[in-house]
């Protein structure tokens, strides 16, 4: 089954979030500080070795959306990476974890705030969190969460299965992931409902924000790629020879009638021709006389 764009965004956001172990998030946070310049300095703050930090950098630079990039001899967060730090910072502060005072050398420096996200083995838990998020209303501000949110389990299962994801979404598999969320303190179960805790709400929010960030990043990339397809190209409008760039002139009946300029887009060319047609009382034969050749 083909993976849809929506599913791909969720799966990729899951891969990015899953890669954010507490120490790896710590290395990214340290890297974003102006006072930290080397992997040795990051290793000192994390209480690990420089080779371990190097492994973190390699992982962060090879995710579906690049989180860090190498500039000279150093790594720096990408725009996406910097935005992601802000998202995790806000999420953790909502859970009363101050990322600026965290002792990254501890075994669990974030006090379970990221669990079970960074231990997930597949994408199912992120599809589940995304579906849970569609059952509640919240804005971009987590402070809007002021009461427990009860959600019908059957509606969550139906929602996931209706989207025809490419991976298995059986009732049993979905409920198994719900149990993992329960074990980690994200949800609690009633007979027919699941109730989100503050932590569960925060994790749903971070999945949503990272997914939207990836979608925005890819939209920018698509726009950039699209702009490349309409970049200005040299054109030849004579019959001198295929592919030969000579003075770009529009010829009509072997007579030069319009000097175009060094380069132009196809849209600009058509606009010029249409303008000439109007000046020539709509003489349709004019449009058939020109050809475009790339140099």
C-alpha atoms as a PDB file:
ATOM      1  CA  UNK A   1       0.000   0.000   0.000  1.00  0.00           C
ATOM      2  CA  UNK A   2       1.291   3.471  -0.908  1.00  0.00           C
ATOM      3  CA  UNK A   3       2.292   5.794   1.915  1.00  0.00           C
ATOM      4  CA  UNK A   4       0.317   9.041   1.771  1.00  0.00           C
ATOM      5  CA  UNK A   5       1.888  12.452   2.361  1.00  0.00           C
ATOM      6  CA  UNK A   6       0.025  12.747   5.676  1.00  0.00           C
ATOM      7  CA  UNK A   7       1.320   9.389   6.871  1.00  0.00           C
ATOM      8  CA  UNK A   8       4.842  10.224   5.704  1.00  0.00           C
ATOM      9  CA  UNK A   9       4.855  13.456   7.726  1.00  0.00           C
ATOM     10  CA  UNK A  10       3.723  11.574  10.854  1.00  0.00           C
ATOM     11  CA  UNK A  11       6.197   8.720  10.340  1.00  0.00           C
ATOM     12  CA  UNK A  12       9.082  11.137   9.759  1.00  0.00           C
ATOM     13  CA  UNK A  13       8.114  13.229  12.781  1.00  0.00           C
ATOM     14  CA  UNK A  14       8.128   9.977  14.751  1.00  0.00           C
ATOM     15  CA  UNK A  15      11.612   9.136  13.514  1.00  0.00           C
ATOM     16  CA  UNK A  16      12.873  12.583  14.487  1.00  0.00           C
ATOM     17  CA  UNK A  17      11.243  12.448  17.939  1.00  0.00           C
ATOM     18  CA  UNK A  18      12.329   8.845  18.505  1.00  0.00           C
ATOM     19  CA  UNK A  19      15.916   9.882  17.853  1.00  0.00           C
ATOM     20  CA  UNK A  20      15.707  12.484  20.638  1.00  0.00           C
ATOM     21  CA  UNK A  21      17.033  10.475  23.543  1.00  0.00           C
ATOM     22  CA  UNK A  22      17.616  12.725  26.567  1.00  0.00           C
ATOM     23  CA  UNK A  23      21.365  12.844  25.932  1.00  0.00           C
ATOM     24  CA  UNK A  24      20.942  13.524  22.213  1.00  0.00           C
ATOM     25  CA  UNK A  25      18.485  16.316  22.940  1.00  0.00           C
ATOM     26  CA  UNK A  26      21.019  17.583  25.461  1.00  0.00           C
ATOM     27  CA  UNK A  27      23.770  17.617  22.845  1.00  0.00           C
ATOM     28  CA  UNK A  28      21.512  19.574  20.497  1.00  0.00           C
ATOM     29  CA  UNK A  29      20.613  22.018  23.254  1.00  0.00           C
ATOM     30  CA  UNK A  30      24.291  22.515  24.184  1.00  0.00           C
ATOM     31  CA  UNK A  31      25.184  22.977  20.527  1.00  0.00           C
ATOM     32  CA  UNK A  32      22.664  25.818  20.342  1.00  0.00           C
ATOM     33  CA  UNK A  33      24.397  27.747  23.149  1.00  0.00           C
ATOM     34  CA  UNK A  34      26.789  30.521  22.053  1.00  0.00           C
ATOM     35  CA  UNK A  35      29.283  29.540  24.761  1.00  0.00           C
ATOM     36  CA  UNK A  36      29.709  25.991  23.391  1.00  0.00           C
ATOM     37  CA  UNK A  37      31.940  25.592  20.359  1.00  0.00           C
ATOM     38  CA  UNK A  38      33.432  22.094  20.353  1.00  0.00           C
ATOM     39  CA  UNK A  39      32.298  18.514  20.804  1.00  0.00           C
ATOM     40  CA  UNK A  40      34.662  18.268  23.754  1.00  0.00           C
ATOM     41  CA  UNK A  41      32.768  21.091  25.478  1.00  0.00           C
ATOM     42  CA  UNK A  42      29.472  19.361  24.738  1.00  0.00           C
ATOM     43  CA  UNK A  43      30.853  16.074  26.081  1.00  0.00           C
ATOM     44  CA  UNK A  44      31.891  17.816  29.301  1.00  0.00           C
ATOM     45  CA  UNK A  45      28.367  19.155  29.824  1.00  0.00           C
ATOM     46  CA  UNK A  46      26.762  15.809  29.006  1.00  0.00           C
ATOM     47  CA  UNK A  47      29.190  13.754  31.064  1.00  0.00           C
ATOM     48  CA  UNK A  48      30.123  11.540  28.123  1.00  0.00           C
ATOM     49  CA  UNK A  49      33.031  11.112  25.709  1.00  0.00           C
ATOM     50  CA  UNK A  50      33.642  13.212  22.548  1.00  0.00           C
ATOM     51  CA  UNK A  51      33.185  10.108  20.313  1.00  0.00           C
ATOM     52  CA  UNK A  52      29.685   9.696  21.803  1.00  0.00           C
ATOM     53  CA  UNK A  53      28.898  13.315  20.946  1.00  0.00           C
ATOM     54  CA  UNK A  54      30.223  12.658  17.439  1.00  0.00           C
ATOM     55  CA  UNK A  55      27.761   9.776  17.115  1.00  0.00           C
ATOM     56  CA  UNK A  56      24.944  12.091  18.237  1.00  0.00           C
ATOM     57  CA  UNK A  57      25.946  14.643  15.588  1.00  0.00           C
ATOM     58  CA  UNK A  58      26.005  11.966  12.892  1.00  0.00           C
ATOM     59  CA  UNK A  59      22.511  10.813  13.825  1.00  0.00           C
ATOM     60  CA  UNK A  60      21.118  14.355  13.964  1.00  0.00           C
ATOM     61  CA  UNK A  61      22.532  15.131  10.513  1.00  0.00           C
ATOM     62  CA  UNK A  62      21.061  12.009   8.890  1.00  0.00           C
ATOM     63  CA  UNK A  63      17.401  12.256   9.924  1.00  0.00           C
ATOM     64  CA  UNK A  64      14.586  12.706   7.335  1.00  0.00           C
ATOM     65  CA  UNK A  65      14.834  16.432   8.051  1.00  0.00           C
ATOM     66  CA  UNK A  66      18.376  17.501   8.863  1.00  0.00           C
ATOM     67  CA  UNK A  67      18.663  18.774  12.439  1.00  0.00           C
ATOM     68  CA  UNK A  68      22.336  19.787  12.402  1.00  0.00           C
ATOM     69  CA  UNK A  69      24.746  20.577   9.609  1.00  0.00           C
ATOM     70  CA  UNK A  70      28.497  20.918   9.405  1.00  0.00           C
ATOM     71  CA  UNK A  71      29.930  24.383   8.877  1.00  0.00           C
ATOM     72  CA  UNK A  72      33.685  24.235   8.588  1.00  0.00           C
ATOM     73  CA  UNK A  73      34.942  21.986  11.361  1.00  0.00           C
ATOM     74  CA  UNK A  74      31.882  22.481  13.585  1.00  0.00           C
ATOM     75  CA  UNK A  75      28.277  21.356  13.650  1.00  0.00           C
ATOM     76  CA  UNK A  76      25.467  23.887  14.017  1.00  0.00           C
ATOM     77  CA  UNK A  77      21.688  23.460  14.309  1.00  0.00           C
ATOM     78  CA  UNK A  78      19.751  23.962  11.097  1.00  0.00           C
ATOM     79  CA  UNK A  79      16.723  26.236  11.103  1.00  0.00           C
ATOM     80  CA  UNK A  80      14.626  23.135  11.636  1.00  0.00           C
ATOM     81  CA  UNK A  81      16.895  22.061  14.512  1.00  0.00           C
ATOM     82  CA  UNK A  82      16.642  25.433  16.245  1.00  0.00           C
ATOM     83  CA  UNK A  83      12.853  25.426  15.924  1.00  0.00           C
ATOM     84  CA  UNK A  84      12.740  21.891  17.278  1.00  0.00           C
ATOM     85  CA  UNK A  85      14.752  22.911  20.355  1.00  0.00           C
ATOM     86  CA  UNK A  86      12.147  25.602  21.050  1.00  0.00           C
ATOM     87  CA  UNK A  87       9.344  23.034  20.774  1.00  0.00           C
ATOM     88  CA  UNK A  88      10.971  20.588  23.197  1.00  0.00           C
ATOM     89  CA  UNK A  89      11.917  23.428  25.536  1.00  0.00           C
ATOM     90  CA  UNK A  90       8.299  24.580  25.689  1.00  0.00           C
ATOM     91  CA  UNK A  91       6.990  21.048  26.159  1.00  0.00           C
ATOM     92  CA  UNK A  92       9.414  20.303  28.988  1.00  0.00           C
ATOM     93  CA  UNK A  93       8.765  23.614  30.737  1.00  0.00           C
ATOM     94  CA  UNK A  94       5.068  22.719  30.659  1.00  0.00           C
ATOM     95  CA  UNK A  95       6.035  19.551  32.538  1.00  0.00           C
ATOM     96  CA  UNK A  96       7.997  21.695  35.043  1.00  0.00           C
ATOM     97  CA  UNK A  97      11.379  20.679  33.631  1.00  0.00           C
ATOM     98  CA  UNK A  98      13.724  23.626  33.115  1.00  0.00           C
ATOM     99  CA  UNK A  99      15.980  22.637  30.234  1.00  0.00           C
ATOM    100  CA  UNK A 100      18.474  25.371  31.156  1.00  0.00           C
ATOM    101  CA  UNK A 101      19.223  23.778  34.551  1.00  0.00           C
ATOM    102  CA  UNK A 102      19.134  20.088  33.578  1.00  0.00           C
ATOM    103  CA  UNK A 103      22.056  17.963  34.740  1.00  0.00           C
ATOM    104  CA  UNK A 104      22.611  16.034  31.519  1.00  0.00           C
ATOM    105  CA  UNK A 105      25.029  13.632  33.181  1.00  0.00           C
ATOM    106  CA  UNK A 106      22.196  11.981  35.148  1.00  0.00           C
ATOM    107  CA  UNK A 107      20.772   8.631  34.008  1.00  0.00           C
ATOM    108  CA  UNK A 108      17.352  10.194  33.332  1.00  0.00           C
ATOM    109  CA  UNK A 109      18.010  13.947  33.160  1.00  0.00           C
ATOM    110  CA  UNK A 110      14.495  14.766  31.922  1.00  0.00           C
ATOM    111  CA  UNK A 111      12.694  12.749  34.588  1.00  0.00           C
ATOM    112  CA  UNK A 112      10.831  10.580  32.081  1.00  0.00           C
ATOM    113  CA  UNK A 113       9.410  13.565  30.184  1.00  0.00           C
ATOM    114  CA  UNK A 114      10.263  12.010  26.810  1.00  0.00           C
ATOM    115  CA  UNK A 115       9.333   8.439  27.724  1.00  0.00           C
ATOM    116  CA  UNK A 116       8.124   6.369  25.847  1.00  0.00           C
ATOM    117  CA  UNK A 117       8.719   8.444  22.704  1.00  0.00           C
ATOM    118  CA  UNK A 118      12.471   7.874  22.459  1.00  0.00           C
ATOM    119  CA  UNK A 119      12.123   4.148  23.164  1.00  0.00           C
ATOM    120  CA  UNK A 120       9.478   3.461  20.493  1.00  0.00           C
ATOM    121  CA  UNK A 121      10.517   0.811  17.980  1.00  0.00           C
ATOM    122  CA  UNK A 122       8.143   1.785  15.216  1.00  0.00           C
ATOM    123  CA  UNK A 123       5.693   4.393  13.974  1.00  0.00           C
ATOM    124  CA  UNK A 124       2.476   3.048  15.489  1.00  0.00           C
ATOM    125  CA  UNK A 125       2.698   5.006  18.734  1.00  0.00           C
ATOM    126  CA  UNK A 126       3.075   8.263  16.771  1.00  0.00           C
ATOM    127  CA  UNK A 127       0.080   7.450  14.569  1.00  0.00           C
ATOM    128  CA  UNK A 128      -1.817   6.798  17.804  1.00  0.00           C
ATOM    129  CA  UNK A 129      -0.748  10.088  19.402  1.00  0.00           C
ATOM    130  CA  UNK A 130      -1.699  11.907  16.208  1.00  0.00           C
ATOM    131  CA  UNK A 131      -5.142  10.269  16.276  1.00  0.00           C
ATOM    132  CA  UNK A 132      -5.610  11.128  19.957  1.00  0.00           C
ATOM    133  CA  UNK A 133      -4.755  14.716  19.094  1.00  0.00           C
ATOM    134  CA  UNK A 134      -7.552  14.845  16.532  1.00  0.00           C
ATOM    135  CA  UNK A 135     -10.056  13.993  19.269  1.00  0.00           C
ATOM    136  CA  UNK A 136      -9.262  17.063  21.360  1.00  0.00           C
ATOM    137  CA  UNK A 137      -9.098  20.800  20.816  1.00  0.00           C
ATOM    138  CA  UNK A 138      -6.044  22.801  21.656  1.00  0.00           C
ATOM    139  CA  UNK A 139      -4.118  25.669  20.156  1.00  0.00           C
ATOM    140  CA  UNK A 140      -0.389  26.130  19.934  1.00  0.00           C
ATOM    141  CA  UNK A 141      -0.210  27.100  23.610  1.00  0.00           C
ATOM    142  CA  UNK A 142      -0.085  24.181  26.039  1.00  0.00           C
ATOM    143  CA  UNK A 143      -1.409  26.419  28.817  1.00  0.00           C
ATOM    144  CA  UNK A 144      -4.847  25.901  27.302  1.00  0.00           C
ATOM    145  CA  UNK A 145      -4.884  22.412  28.825  1.00  0.00           C
ATOM    146  CA  UNK A 146      -6.808  22.914  32.033  1.00  0.00           C
ATOM    147  CA  UNK A 147      -8.800  19.741  32.540  1.00  0.00           C
ATOM    148  CA  UNK A 148      -8.648  16.028  31.897  1.00  0.00           C
ATOM    149  CA  UNK A 149      -9.572  14.987  28.386  1.00  0.00           C
ATOM    150  CA  UNK A 150     -11.623  11.799  28.020  1.00  0.00           C
ATOM    151  CA  UNK A 151     -11.626  10.193  24.608  1.00  0.00           C
ATOM    152  CA  UNK A 152     -13.614   7.196  23.384  1.00  0.00           C
ATOM    153  CA  UNK A 153     -11.283   4.345  22.468  1.00  0.00           C
ATOM    154  CA  UNK A 154     -13.546   3.134  19.675  1.00  0.00           C
ATOM    155  CA  UNK A 155     -13.382   6.548  17.993  1.00  0.00           C
ATOM    156  CA  UNK A 156      -9.583   6.556  18.089  1.00  0.00           C
ATOM    157  CA  UNK A 157      -9.374   3.050  16.595  1.00  0.00           C
ATOM    158  CA  UNK A 158     -11.930   3.923  13.906  1.00  0.00           C
ATOM    159  CA  UNK A 159     -10.094   7.135  13.055  1.00  0.00           C
ATOM    160  CA  UNK A 160      -6.738   5.386  12.584  1.00  0.00           C
ATOM    161  CA  UNK A 161      -8.188   2.561  10.510  1.00  0.00           C
ATOM    162  CA  UNK A 162     -10.207   4.925   8.293  1.00  0.00           C
ATOM    163  CA  UNK A 163      -7.031   6.601   7.064  1.00  0.00           C
ATOM    164  CA  UNK A 164      -5.778   3.411   5.392  1.00  0.00           C
ATOM    165  CA  UNK A 165      -2.213   3.664   6.621  1.00  0.00           C
ATOM    166  CA  UNK A 166       0.354   1.457   4.923  1.00  0.00           C
ATOM    167  CA  UNK A 167       1.315  -0.233   8.197  1.00  0.00           C
ATOM    168  CA  UNK A 168      -0.799  -2.680  10.171  1.00  0.00           C
ATOM    169  CA  UNK A 169      -3.435  -0.912  12.295  1.00  0.00           C
ATOM    170  CA  UNK A 170      -5.379  -3.779  13.878  1.00  0.00           C
ATOM    171  CA  UNK A 171      -7.417  -3.211  17.053  1.00  0.00           C
ATOM    172  CA  UNK A 172      -4.973  -5.353  18.972  1.00  0.00           C
ATOM    173  CA  UNK A 173      -1.906  -3.421  17.843  1.00  0.00           C
ATOM    174  CA  UNK A 174      -3.485  -0.025  18.570  1.00  0.00           C
ATOM    175  CA  UNK A 175      -4.570  -1.083  22.053  1.00  0.00           C
ATOM    176  CA  UNK A 176      -1.130  -2.515  22.769  1.00  0.00           C
ATOM    177  CA  UNK A 177       0.350   0.915  22.085  1.00  0.00           C
ATOM    178  CA  UNK A 178      -2.295   2.485  24.315  1.00  0.00           C
ATOM    179  CA  UNK A 179      -1.116   0.216  27.138  1.00  0.00           C
ATOM    180  CA  UNK A 180       2.425   1.502  26.630  1.00  0.00           C
ATOM    181  CA  UNK A 181       1.140   5.041  26.979  1.00  0.00           C
ATOM    182  CA  UNK A 182      -0.664   3.991  30.153  1.00  0.00           C
ATOM    183  CA  UNK A 183       2.486   2.417  31.597  1.00  0.00           C
ATOM    184  CA  UNK A 184       4.399   5.635  30.988  1.00  0.00           C
ATOM    185  CA  UNK A 185       1.809   7.811  32.695  1.00  0.00           C
ATOM    186  CA  UNK A 186       0.458   9.458  29.537  1.00  0.00           C
ATOM    187  CA  UNK A 187      -3.070   8.054  29.730  1.00  0.00           C
ATOM    188  CA  UNK A 188      -5.386   6.093  31.998  1.00  0.00           C
ATOM    189  CA  UNK A 189      -8.182   3.759  30.943  1.00  0.00           C
ATOM    190  CA  UNK A 190     -11.849   3.636  31.753  1.00  0.00           C
ATOM    191  CA  UNK A 191     -14.257   1.009  30.491  1.00  0.00           C
ATOM    192  CA  UNK A 192     -14.698   2.669  27.100  1.00  0.00           C
ATOM    193  CA  UNK A 193     -12.580   5.769  27.326  1.00  0.00           C
ATOM    194  CA  UNK A 194      -8.979   6.839  27.647  1.00  0.00           C
ATOM    195  CA  UNK A 195      -8.089   9.898  29.717  1.00  0.00           C
ATOM    196  CA  UNK A 196      -5.041  12.017  28.921  1.00  0.00           C
ATOM    197  CA  UNK A 197      -2.707  13.124  31.664  1.00  0.00           C
ATOM    198  CA  UNK A 198      -0.768  16.370  31.503  1.00  0.00           C
ATOM    199  CA  UNK A 199       2.214  14.432  30.179  1.00  0.00           C
ATOM    200  CA  UNK A 200       0.074  12.687  27.558  1.00  0.00           C
ATOM    201  CA  UNK A 201      -1.318  15.990  26.387  1.00  0.00           C
ATOM    202  CA  UNK A 202       2.219  17.425  26.148  1.00  0.00           C
ATOM    203  CA  UNK A 203       3.445  14.476  24.079  1.00  0.00           C
ATOM    204  CA  UNK A 204       0.477  14.752  21.703  1.00  0.00           C
ATOM    205  CA  UNK A 205       1.286  18.439  21.324  1.00  0.00           C
ATOM    206  CA  UNK A 206       4.967  17.840  20.553  1.00  0.00           C
ATOM    207  CA  UNK A 207       4.088  15.222  17.900  1.00  0.00           C
ATOM    208  CA  UNK A 208       1.694  17.705  16.295  1.00  0.00           C
ATOM    209  CA  UNK A 209       4.212  20.555  16.370  1.00  0.00           C
ATOM    210  CA  UNK A 210       7.080  18.504  14.932  1.00  0.00           C
ATOM    211  CA  UNK A 211       4.786  17.079  12.248  1.00  0.00           C
ATOM    212  CA  UNK A 212       3.640  20.601  11.281  1.00  0.00           C
ATOM    213  CA  UNK A 213       7.242  21.813  11.320  1.00  0.00           C
ATOM    214  CA  UNK A 214       8.280  19.039   8.928  1.00  0.00           C
ATOM    215  CA  UNK A 215       5.340  19.781   6.667  1.00  0.00           C
ATOM    216  CA  UNK A 216       6.261  23.483   6.629  1.00  0.00           C
ATOM    217  CA  UNK A 217       9.916  22.696   5.944  1.00  0.00           C
ATOM    218  CA  UNK A 218       9.017  20.450   3.014  1.00  0.00           C
ATOM    219  CA  UNK A 219       6.614  23.021   1.652  1.00  0.00           C
ATOM    220  CA  UNK A 220       9.475  25.535   1.595  1.00  0.00           C
ATOM    221  CA  UNK A 221      11.703  23.000  -0.145  1.00  0.00           C
ATOM    222  CA  UNK A 222       9.027  22.220  -2.727  1.00  0.00           C
ATOM    223  CA  UNK A 223       8.571  25.933  -3.416  1.00  0.00           C
ATOM    224  CA  UNK A 224      12.316  26.331  -3.796  1.00  0.00           C
ATOM    225  CA  UNK A 225      12.495  23.411  -6.220  1.00  0.00           C
ATOM    226  CA  UNK A 226       9.542  24.773  -8.179  1.00  0.00           C
ATOM    227  CA  UNK A 227      11.242  28.145  -8.506  1.00  0.00           C
ATOM    228  CA  UNK A 228      14.255  26.429 -10.050  1.00  0.00           C
ATOM    229  CA  UNK A 229      12.099  25.086 -12.868  1.00  0.00           C
ATOM    230  CA  UNK A 230      11.169  28.624 -13.936  1.00  0.00           C
ATOM    231  CA  UNK A 231      14.607  30.147 -13.615  1.00  0.00           C
ATOM    232  CA  UNK A 232      15.672  32.334 -16.495  1.00  0.00           C
ATOM    233  CA  UNK A 233      17.091  30.346 -19.428  1.00  0.00           C
ATOM    234  CA  UNK A 234      18.880  31.448 -22.605  1.00  0.00           C
ATOM    235  CA  UNK A 235      16.602  31.114 -25.641  1.00  0.00           C
ATOM    236  CA  UNK A 236      17.208  31.221 -29.351  1.00  0.00           C
ATOM    237  CA  UNK A 237      14.301  32.210 -31.577  1.00  0.00           C
ATOM    238  CA  UNK A 238      15.938  31.914 -34.969  1.00  0.00           C
ATOM    239  CA  UNK A 239      16.393  29.089 -37.425  1.00  0.00           C
ATOM    240  CA  UNK A 240      20.201  29.233 -37.364  1.00  0.00           C
ATOM    241  CA  UNK A 241      20.659  25.803 -35.862  1.00  0.00           C
ATOM    242  CA  UNK A 242      19.374  23.542 -33.064  1.00  0.00           C
ATOM    243  CA  UNK A 243      20.827  24.414 -29.702  1.00  0.00           C
ATOM    244  CA  UNK A 244      23.009  27.202 -31.021  1.00  0.00           C
ATOM    245  CA  UNK A 245      22.699  30.355 -28.923  1.00  0.00           C
ATOM    246  CA  UNK A 246      22.739  33.438 -31.131  1.00  0.00           C
ATOM    247  CA  UNK A 247      21.193  36.828 -30.615  1.00  0.00           C
ATOM    248  CA  UNK A 248      17.742  36.036 -29.184  1.00  0.00           C
ATOM    249  CA  UNK A 249      15.425  37.596 -31.732  1.00  0.00           C
ATOM    250  CA  UNK A 250      11.877  36.745 -32.727  1.00  0.00           C
ATOM    251  CA  UNK A 251      11.695  36.183 -36.466  1.00  0.00           C
ATOM    252  CA  UNK A 252       8.601  36.420 -38.638  1.00  0.00           C
ATOM    253  CA  UNK A 253       8.917  35.474 -42.300  1.00  0.00           C
ATOM    254  CA  UNK A 254      12.707  35.663 -41.950  1.00  0.00           C
ATOM    255  CA  UNK A 255      12.483  39.243 -40.722  1.00  0.00           C
ATOM    256  CA  UNK A 256      13.605  40.103 -37.166  1.00  0.00           C
ATOM    257  CA  UNK A 257      10.702  41.786 -35.406  1.00  0.00           C
ATOM    258  CA  UNK A 258      11.538  41.625 -31.672  1.00  0.00           C
ATOM    259  CA  UNK A 259      14.821  41.566 -29.788  1.00  0.00           C
ATOM    260  CA  UNK A 260      14.171  39.584 -26.605  1.00  0.00           C
ATOM    261  CA  UNK A 261      17.273  40.022 -24.444  1.00  0.00           C
ATOM    262  CA  UNK A 262      19.855  37.608 -23.046  1.00  0.00           C
ATOM    263  CA  UNK A 263      17.481  35.322 -21.120  1.00  0.00           C
ATOM    264  CA  UNK A 264      13.857  34.953 -20.148  1.00  0.00           C
ATOM    265  CA  UNK A 265      11.316  32.495 -18.785  1.00  0.00           C
ATOM    266  CA  UNK A 266       8.822  30.697 -20.990  1.00  0.00           C
ATOM    267  CA  UNK A 267       6.031  32.714 -19.381  1.00  0.00           C
ATOM    268  CA  UNK A 268       7.821  35.964 -20.237  1.00  0.00           C
ATOM    269  CA  UNK A 269       8.335  34.793 -23.796  1.00  0.00           C
ATOM    270  CA  UNK A 270       4.679  33.943 -24.253  1.00  0.00           C
ATOM    271  CA  UNK A 271       3.664  37.276 -22.745  1.00  0.00           C
ATOM    272  CA  UNK A 272       5.910  39.083 -25.227  1.00  0.00           C
ATOM    273  CA  UNK A 273       4.443  37.164 -28.153  1.00  0.00           C
ATOM    274  CA  UNK A 274       0.884  37.752 -26.982  1.00  0.00           C
ATOM    275  CA  UNK A 275       1.609  41.466 -26.666  1.00  0.00           C
ATOM    276  CA  UNK A 276       2.906  41.531 -30.230  1.00  0.00           C
ATOM    277  CA  UNK A 277      -0.164  39.655 -31.437  1.00  0.00           C
ATOM    278  CA  UNK A 278      -2.387  42.309 -29.924  1.00  0.00           C
ATOM    279  CA  UNK A 279      -0.352  45.028 -31.594  1.00  0.00           C
ATOM    280  CA  UNK A 280      -0.769  43.183 -34.896  1.00  0.00           C
ATOM    281  CA  UNK A 281      -4.570  42.938 -34.589  1.00  0.00           C
ATOM    282  CA  UNK A 282      -4.408  39.397 -33.283  1.00  0.00           C
ATOM    283  CA  UNK A 283      -2.474  37.943 -36.207  1.00  0.00           C
ATOM    284  CA  UNK A 284      -2.436  34.305 -35.103  1.00  0.00           C
ATOM    285  CA  UNK A 285       0.275  33.365 -37.604  1.00  0.00           C
ATOM    286  CA  UNK A 286       2.788  35.229 -35.481  1.00  0.00           C
ATOM    287  CA  UNK A 287       2.713  32.673 -32.661  1.00  0.00           C
ATOM    288  CA  UNK A 288       3.512  29.800 -34.996  1.00  0.00           C
ATOM    289  CA  UNK A 289       6.762  31.341 -36.237  1.00  0.00           C
ATOM    290  CA  UNK A 290       8.908  31.192 -33.103  1.00  0.00           C
ATOM    291  CA  UNK A 291      10.720  28.250 -31.571  1.00  0.00           C
ATOM    292  CA  UNK A 292      12.572  27.815 -28.271  1.00  0.00           C
ATOM    293  CA  UNK A 293      15.964  26.207 -28.009  1.00  0.00           C
ATOM    294  CA  UNK A 294      18.010  25.747 -24.862  1.00  0.00           C
ATOM    295  CA  UNK A 295      21.683  26.438 -25.235  1.00  0.00           C
END
